[in-house]
Amino acid sequence: MAGAVALLAAMAAPVAAQDGGWQIVLQPYLMVPAMTGSAAVKGFDADVDVGRKDVVKNLNIGFLGYVEVTNGRLGFAVDTNYMDLDATPDSARISANSSQLAVQPMLFYRVAQWFDLMLGARYNKISLKLESDLEAVDGLKRSKDWMDPIAGFRFQGPLGGATTFSLLANIGGFGLGSDLALQVKPMLSFGVGSGISIDAGYQLAYMDYESGSGRDRFAYDVLTHGPLLGVTFRF
């Protein structure tokens, strides 16, 4: 990440952003993720292995949305993700059902044209329920919530015409919440009208969290990634 920050900062013209009027950005979007990794509830481990077709089939409910208030120099944003799904094929000896909420408030500060530094936090709430033909395991459930500090950058630049490219990347946790939390989200935006764009991209999010021991052990070590499709409204 440090290398990417240095490269993009060098690409961006070192011109201070001018304060302007405040603008509201709203972006509802969809994600079709795949999930791989492992989880543990009360000391029992389960693999998390869901392809995109399985997620679409097993998704019970989901909501993803982004809102930002910005004046060009400063930006305040919140990104919210919620999914409730079967995270393991039912054929597994121990399968996991998962609901996960991530609420990510962020502060952006423009340090160069098209380039922002970002500080924020990510509130995570994970609920896991195990299903198994083993009586001692079937029905075990546990919820855990915690906060991760995060830091990163955002690059936004024109590609020509009404098309722009953006890249959001951050790292967090640092052992204060998760041992490690990562997010990388490149996006292309295609202007289709005054203040309206269609957005397409990809998101990769990794979380490694563990607490407790023995029968009290809770763990969530999962990579979630997949394509994004959304629409942005600017007021």
Protein backbone atom coordinates (compact mmCIF):
# COMPACT_ATOMS: atom_id res chain seq x y z
CA MET A 1 0.00 0.00 0.00
CA ALA A 2 2.84 2.41 0.79
CA GLY A 3 4.23 1.89 -2.71
CA ALA A 4 0.83 2.47 -4.29
CA VAL A 5 0.34 5.66 -2.27
CA ALA A 6 3.73 6.99 -3.39
CA LEU A 7 3.04 6.12 -7.05
CA LEU A 8 -0.42 7.68 -7.16
CA ALA A 9 0.70 10.76 -5.24
CA ALA A 10 3.47 11.26 -7.81
CA MET A 11 0.96 10.89 -10.65
CA ALA A 12 -1.42 13.44 -9.16
CA ALA A 13 -0.53 17.09 -9.70
CA PRO A 14 0.49 18.58 -6.34
CA VAL A 15 -2.13 21.28 -6.42
CA ALA A 16 -4.18 21.97 -3.30
CA ALA A 17 -7.89 21.37 -3.82
CA GLN A 18 -10.02 24.46 -3.69
CA ASP A 19 -12.85 24.59 -1.19
CA GLY A 20 -16.19 24.58 -2.94
CA GLY A 21 -19.87 24.22 -2.13
CA TRP A 22 -20.98 21.12 -0.32
CA GLN A 23 -22.20 18.21 -2.42
CA ILE A 24 -24.08 15.05 -1.42
CA VAL A 25 -23.16 11.75 -3.08
CA LEU A 26 -25.53 8.76 -2.85
CA GLN A 27 -24.59 5.34 -4.24
CA PRO A 28 -26.74 2.24 -3.79
CA TYR A 29 -24.94 -0.76 -5.26
CA LEU A 30 -24.99 -4.52 -5.65
CA MET A 31 -22.20 -7.02 -5.07
CA VAL A 32 -22.05 -10.68 -6.10
CA PRO A 33 -19.36 -12.02 -3.77
CA ALA A 34 -17.44 -15.23 -3.37
CA MET A 35 -16.23 -16.15 0.14
CA THR A 36 -13.36 -18.38 1.21
CA GLY A 37 -11.78 -18.97 4.60
CA SER A 38 -12.77 -20.38 7.98
CA ALA A 39 -14.88 -19.55 11.01
CA ALA A 40 -15.17 -20.92 14.54
CA VAL A 41 -18.04 -20.89 17.04
CA LYS A 42 -17.44 -22.06 20.62
CA GLY A 43 -14.30 -23.88 19.57
CA PHE A 44 -15.81 -25.71 16.58
CA ASP A 45 -14.31 -24.86 13.19
CA ALA A 46 -16.19 -24.64 9.89
CA ASP A 47 -14.89 -23.92 6.42
CA VAL A 48 -16.35 -20.94 4.60
CA ASP A 49 -16.43 -21.71 0.88
CA VAL A 50 -19.15 -20.11 -1.21
CA GLY A 51 -19.01 -19.36 -4.93
CA ARG A 52 -20.94 -16.49 -6.52
CA LYS A 53 -23.73 -18.74 -7.75
CA ASP A 54 -24.09 -20.16 -4.25
CA VAL A 55 -24.24 -16.68 -2.71
CA VAL A 56 -27.03 -15.62 -5.07
CA LYS A 57 -28.88 -18.85 -4.30
CA ASN A 58 -28.34 -18.75 -0.53
CA LEU A 59 -28.64 -15.00 0.08
CA ASN A 60 -31.51 -14.35 2.46
CA ILE A 61 -31.25 -10.55 2.50
CA GLY A 62 -28.63 -7.92 1.66
CA PHE A 63 -28.14 -4.16 1.59
CA LEU A 64 -25.19 -2.12 0.31
CA GLY A 65 -25.04 1.66 0.16
CA TYR A 66 -22.62 4.58 0.25
CA VAL A 67 -23.23 8.23 1.17
CA GLU A 68 -20.72 11.10 1.19
CA VAL A 69 -20.83 14.82 1.91
CA THR A 70 -17.89 16.69 0.35
CA ASN A 71 -16.72 20.19 -0.54
CA GLY A 72 -13.79 19.05 -2.71
CA ARG A 73 -11.17 19.37 0.02
CA LEU A 74 -12.94 17.53 2.87
CA GLY A 75 -15.23 14.56 2.59
CA PHE A 76 -17.26 12.66 5.18
CA ALA A 77 -18.57 9.28 4.07
CA VAL A 78 -20.29 6.15 5.39
CA ASP A 79 -20.25 2.81 3.55
CA THR A 80 -22.73 0.18 4.81
CA ASN A 81 -22.78 -3.51 3.90
CA TYR A 82 -25.19 -6.11 5.27
CA MET A 83 -25.59 -9.72 4.13
CA ASP A 84 -27.40 -12.73 5.59
CA LEU A 85 -26.53 -16.00 3.86
CA ASP A 86 -25.60 -19.65 4.07
CA ALA A 87 -21.81 -19.48 4.01
CA THR A 88 -21.09 -23.21 3.60
CA PRO A 89 -22.58 -25.85 1.28
CA ASP A 90 -25.17 -27.96 3.12
CA SER A 91 -23.24 -31.09 2.13
CA ALA A 92 -20.40 -30.13 4.52
CA ARG A 93 -20.13 -32.05 7.81
CA ILE A 94 -20.30 -28.73 9.66
CA SER A 95 -21.92 -25.85 7.77
CA ALA A 96 -22.10 -22.19 8.80
CA ASN A 97 -24.87 -19.67 8.33
CA SER A 98 -23.57 -16.12 8.55
CA SER A 99 -24.99 -12.63 8.88
CA GLN A 100 -22.51 -9.79 8.69
CA LEU A 101 -22.83 -6.05 9.08
CA ALA A 102 -20.06 -3.57 8.30
CA VAL A 103 -20.55 0.16 8.82
CA GLN A 104 -17.53 2.19 7.71
CA PRO A 105 -17.39 5.93 8.52
CA MET A 106 -14.50 7.70 6.75
CA LEU A 107 -12.88 11.14 6.62
CA PHE A 108 -11.18 12.13 3.34
CA TYR A 109 -8.70 14.99 2.98
CA ARG A 110 -7.47 16.03 -0.47
CA VAL A 111 -3.69 16.42 -0.56
CA ALA A 112 -3.28 16.63 -4.35
CA GLN A 113 -5.43 16.78 -7.43
CA TRP A 114 -7.41 13.51 -7.63
CA PHE A 115 -5.72 12.09 -4.50
CA ASP A 116 -7.20 11.87 -0.97
CA LEU A 117 -5.86 10.47 2.27
CA MET A 118 -8.40 8.63 4.39
CA LEU A 119 -8.84 7.86 8.10
CA GLY A 120 -11.80 6.02 9.54
CA ALA A 121 -13.15 3.03 11.36
CA ARG A 122 -15.11 -0.09 10.49
CA TYR A 123 -17.77 -1.45 12.83
CA ASN A 124 -18.20 -5.20 12.30
CA LYS A 125 -20.92 -7.48 13.60
CA ILE A 126 -20.72 -11.15 12.66
CA SER A 127 -23.33 -13.73 13.64
CA LEU A 128 -22.59 -17.39 12.98
CA LYS A 129 -24.80 -20.44 13.39
CA LEU A 130 -23.56 -23.99 12.82
CA GLU A 131 -25.57 -26.82 11.30
CA SER A 132 -24.33 -30.41 11.49
CA ASP A 133 -25.41 -34.02 11.85
CA LEU A 134 -23.25 -33.99 15.00
CA GLU A 135 -25.66 -33.32 17.86
CA ALA A 136 -23.03 -31.50 19.95
CA VAL A 137 -22.44 -29.00 17.15
CA ASP A 138 -25.83 -28.53 15.51
CA GLY A 139 -27.48 -25.25 16.44
CA LEU A 140 -24.44 -23.63 18.04
CA LYS A 141 -24.49 -19.88 17.45
CA ARG A 142 -22.55 -16.82 18.48
CA SER A 143 -22.48 -13.12 17.63
CA LYS A 144 -19.51 -10.83 17.98
CA ASP A 145 -19.02 -7.15 17.26
CA TRP A 146 -15.90 -5.02 17.26
CA MET A 147 -14.37 -1.87 15.78
CA ASP A 148 -11.33 -1.67 13.50
CA PRO A 149 -9.39 1.55 12.94
CA ILE A 150 -8.54 1.95 9.25
CA ALA A 151 -6.27 4.18 7.17
CA GLY A 152 -5.75 4.42 3.43
CA PHE A 153 -6.22 6.53 0.33
CA ARG A 154 -8.55 7.26 -2.56
CA PHE A 155 -7.53 8.12 -6.11
CA GLN A 156 -10.10 9.63 -8.50
CA GLY A 157 -9.23 10.75 -12.01
CA PRO A 158 -10.81 11.28 -15.45
CA LEU A 159 -10.25 8.79 -18.25
CA GLY A 160 -11.80 10.94 -20.93
CA GLY A 161 -15.27 12.05 -21.78
CA ALA A 162 -17.72 11.29 -18.99
CA THR A 163 -15.73 8.30 -17.68
CA THR A 164 -13.74 8.37 -14.44
CA PHE A 165 -11.65 5.85 -12.52
CA SER A 166 -11.40 5.58 -8.74
CA LEU A 167 -9.45 3.36 -6.37
CA LEU A 168 -10.16 3.07 -2.65
CA ALA A 169 -7.67 1.07 -0.57
CA ASN A 170 -7.26 0.77 3.18
CA ILE A 171 -5.73 -1.38 5.87
CA GLY A 172 -6.83 -1.71 9.48
CA GLY A 173 -7.26 -3.74 12.60
CA PHE A 174 -3.66 -3.58 13.76
CA GLY A 175 -4.52 -6.01 16.57
CA LEU A 176 -6.85 -3.45 18.18
CA GLY A 177 -9.87 -5.22 16.68
CA SER A 178 -9.06 -7.60 13.83
CA ASP A 179 -5.51 -8.83 13.54
CA LEU A 180 -5.71 -7.64 9.94
CA ALA A 181 -8.42 -6.02 7.81
CA LEU A 182 -7.96 -5.05 4.15
CA GLN A 183 -10.16 -3.44 1.52
CA VAL A 184 -9.39 -2.69 -2.14
CA LYS A 185 -12.11 -1.29 -4.42
CA PRO A 186 -11.41 -0.10 -7.99
CA MET A 187 -14.38 1.45 -9.83
CA LEU A 188 -15.25 2.84 -13.26
CA SER A 189 -17.99 5.47 -13.47
CA PHE A 190 -19.85 6.32 -16.67
CA GLY A 191 -21.76 9.61 -16.69
CA VAL A 192 -25.25 9.21 -18.10
CA GLY A 193 -26.85 12.52 -17.13
CA SER A 194 -26.50 15.58 -14.96
CA GLY A 195 -25.22 14.34 -11.62
CA ILE A 196 -25.88 10.67 -12.44
CA SER A 197 -23.42 7.90 -13.28
CA ILE A 198 -23.46 4.12 -13.67
CA ASP A 199 -20.65 2.44 -11.71
CA ALA A 200 -18.93 -0.90 -12.19
CA GLY A 201 -16.00 -2.30 -10.29
CA TYR A 202 -14.66 -4.96 -7.98
CA GLN A 203 -14.18 -5.23 -4.23
CA LEU A 204 -11.78 -7.36 -2.25
CA ALA A 205 -12.19 -7.41 1.53
CA TYR A 206 -10.24 -9.59 3.96
CA MET A 207 -10.82 -9.91 7.69
CA ASP A 208 -8.88 -11.95 10.25
CA TYR A 209 -10.44 -11.75 13.72
CA GLU A 210 -10.21 -14.09 16.70
CA SER A 211 -11.13 -13.87 20.38
CA GLY A 212 -11.45 -16.22 23.33
CA SER A 213 -10.12 -19.76 23.68
CA GLY A 214 -11.46 -23.26 24.10
CA ARG A 215 -15.25 -23.38 24.17
CA ASP A 216 -15.33 -19.58 24.15
CA ARG A 217 -13.32 -19.26 20.94
CA PHE A 218 -14.78 -17.16 18.12
CA ALA A 219 -12.90 -16.73 14.84
CA TYR A 220 -13.59 -15.26 11.42
CA ASP A 221 -10.82 -15.48 8.83
CA VAL A 222 -12.53 -14.82 5.50
CA LEU A 223 -11.76 -13.28 2.11
CA THR A 224 -14.83 -11.81 0.38
CA HIS A 225 -14.49 -10.56 -3.19
CA GLY A 226 -16.64 -9.95 -6.21
CA PRO A 227 -17.93 -7.54 -8.89
CA LEU A 228 -19.87 -4.39 -8.03
CA LEU A 229 -22.60 -2.59 -9.96
CA GLY A 230 -24.22 0.62 -8.77
CA VAL A 231 -25.58 4.03 -9.63
CA THR A 232 -24.40 7.36 -8.19
CA PHE A 233 -26.49 10.48 -7.65
CA ARG A 234 -24.81 13.84 -6.91
CA PHE A 235 -26.75 16.75 -5.46
